[in-house]
Amino acid sequence: MNTLFPWLSTYFESLIPGSFALGFNAGRETWTDLILPLR
C-alpha cells in the first residue's frame, strides 16, 4: 500500500486535470452550440 499510494496519487494528479480539460472543452462547445442559435 505504501508503494502503491504515490503511484496512485501521481496517476490521479495527471488524470484529473486531463479529464477536467476534456470536459471543459466539450462543455464549452455544447454551450456555444446552445447559445449561438439563440442570438
N, C-alpha and C. Protein backbone atom coordinates (compact mmCIF):
# COMPACT_ATOMS: atom_id res chain seq x y z
N MET A 1 0.83 -1.20 0.00
CA MET A 1 0.00 0.00 0.00
C MET A 1 0.87 1.26 0.00
N ASN A 2 1.97 1.20 0.73
CA ASN A 2 2.83 2.37 0.80
C ASN A 2 3.48 2.67 -0.54
N THR A 3 3.81 1.63 -1.30
CA THR A 3 4.42 1.86 -2.60
C THR A 3 3.36 2.15 -3.65
N LEU A 4 2.15 1.71 -3.41
CA LEU A 4 1.08 1.92 -4.38
C LEU A 4 0.53 3.34 -4.31
N PHE A 5 0.52 3.91 -3.12
CA PHE A 5 -0.13 5.21 -2.95
C PHE A 5 0.53 6.33 -3.76
N PRO A 6 1.86 6.47 -3.76
CA PRO A 6 2.46 7.54 -4.57
C PRO A 6 2.15 7.37 -6.06
N TRP A 7 2.12 6.11 -6.52
CA TRP A 7 1.78 5.87 -7.92
C TRP A 7 0.35 6.29 -8.21
N LEU A 8 -0.55 5.95 -7.29
CA LEU A 8 -1.96 6.31 -7.46
C LEU A 8 -2.14 7.82 -7.46
N SER A 9 -1.48 8.51 -6.52
CA SER A 9 -1.64 9.96 -6.44
C SER A 9 -1.07 10.62 -7.70
N THR A 10 0.05 10.10 -8.20
CA THR A 10 0.61 10.65 -9.44
C THR A 10 -0.33 10.39 -10.60
N TYR A 11 -0.90 9.18 -10.62
CA TYR A 11 -1.82 8.82 -11.70
C TYR A 11 -3.04 9.73 -11.71
N PHE A 12 -3.62 9.94 -10.52
CA PHE A 12 -4.82 10.76 -10.46
C PHE A 12 -4.51 12.23 -10.67
N GLU A 13 -3.32 12.66 -10.26
CA GLU A 13 -2.94 14.05 -10.48
C GLU A 13 -2.81 14.35 -11.97
N SER A 14 -2.38 13.34 -12.75
CA SER A 14 -2.29 13.56 -14.19
C SER A 14 -3.62 13.27 -14.87
N LEU A 15 -4.43 12.41 -14.28
CA LEU A 15 -5.69 12.03 -14.91
C LEU A 15 -6.75 13.10 -14.75
N ILE A 16 -6.87 13.63 -13.53
CA ILE A 16 -7.98 14.54 -13.24
C ILE A 16 -7.88 15.85 -14.04
N PRO A 17 -6.72 16.52 -14.12
CA PRO A 17 -6.68 17.72 -14.96
C PRO A 17 -6.98 17.42 -16.43
N GLY A 18 -6.56 16.25 -16.91
CA GLY A 18 -6.82 15.89 -18.30
C GLY A 18 -8.30 15.72 -18.56
N SER A 19 -8.98 14.98 -17.69
CA SER A 19 -10.42 14.77 -17.88
C SER A 19 -11.18 16.07 -17.64
N PHE A 20 -10.66 16.91 -16.73
CA PHE A 20 -11.30 18.20 -16.50
C PHE A 20 -11.19 19.09 -17.74
N ALA A 21 -10.02 19.08 -18.37
CA ALA A 21 -9.83 19.88 -19.58
C ALA A 21 -10.71 19.36 -20.71
N LEU A 22 -10.82 18.03 -20.83
CA LEU A 22 -11.67 17.45 -21.86
C LEU A 22 -13.13 17.82 -21.62
N GLY A 23 -13.58 17.67 -20.38
CA GLY A 23 -14.96 18.00 -20.06
C GLY A 23 -15.24 19.49 -20.24
N PHE A 24 -14.24 20.31 -19.92
CA PHE A 24 -14.42 21.75 -20.08
C PHE A 24 -14.55 22.12 -21.56
N ASN A 25 -13.71 21.52 -22.40
CA ASN A 25 -13.78 21.80 -23.83
C ASN A 25 -15.10 21.33 -24.42
N ALA A 26 -15.54 20.13 -24.04
CA ALA A 26 -16.80 19.60 -24.55
C ALA A 26 -17.96 20.46 -24.06
N GLY A 27 -17.92 20.87 -22.79
CA GLY A 27 -18.99 21.70 -22.25
C GLY A 27 -19.03 23.06 -22.92
N ARG A 28 -17.85 23.61 -23.22
CA ARG A 28 -17.81 24.92 -23.86
C ARG A 28 -18.37 24.84 -25.29
N GLU A 29 -18.05 23.75 -26.00
CA GLU A 29 -18.57 23.59 -27.35
C GLU A 29 -20.08 23.41 -27.33
N THR A 30 -20.57 22.62 -26.38
CA THR A 30 -22.02 22.44 -26.25
C THR A 30 -22.68 23.77 -25.90
N TRP A 31 -22.03 24.53 -25.02
CA TRP A 31 -22.59 25.82 -24.59
C TRP A 31 -22.70 26.76 -25.78
N THR A 32 -21.66 26.83 -26.61
CA THR A 32 -21.73 27.73 -27.78
C THR A 32 -22.76 27.22 -28.77
N ASP A 33 -22.88 25.90 -28.93
CA ASP A 33 -23.90 25.37 -29.83
C ASP A 33 -25.30 25.71 -29.35
N LEU A 34 -25.48 25.78 -28.03
CA LEU A 34 -26.81 26.09 -27.50
C LEU A 34 -27.09 27.58 -27.54
N ILE A 35 -26.07 28.40 -27.28
CA ILE A 35 -26.30 29.83 -27.13
C ILE A 35 -26.32 30.56 -28.48
N LEU A 36 -25.42 30.18 -29.39
CA LEU A 36 -25.31 30.91 -30.65
C LEU A 36 -26.60 30.92 -31.46
N PRO A 37 -27.35 29.82 -31.58
CA PRO A 37 -28.62 29.89 -32.33
C PRO A 37 -29.63 30.83 -31.69
N LEU A 38 -29.51 31.07 -30.38
CA LEU A 38 -30.48 31.93 -29.71
C LEU A 38 -30.22 33.41 -29.98
N ARG A 39 -29.02 33.74 -30.41
CA ARG A 39 -28.70 35.15 -30.63
C ARG A 39 -29.41 35.68 -31.87
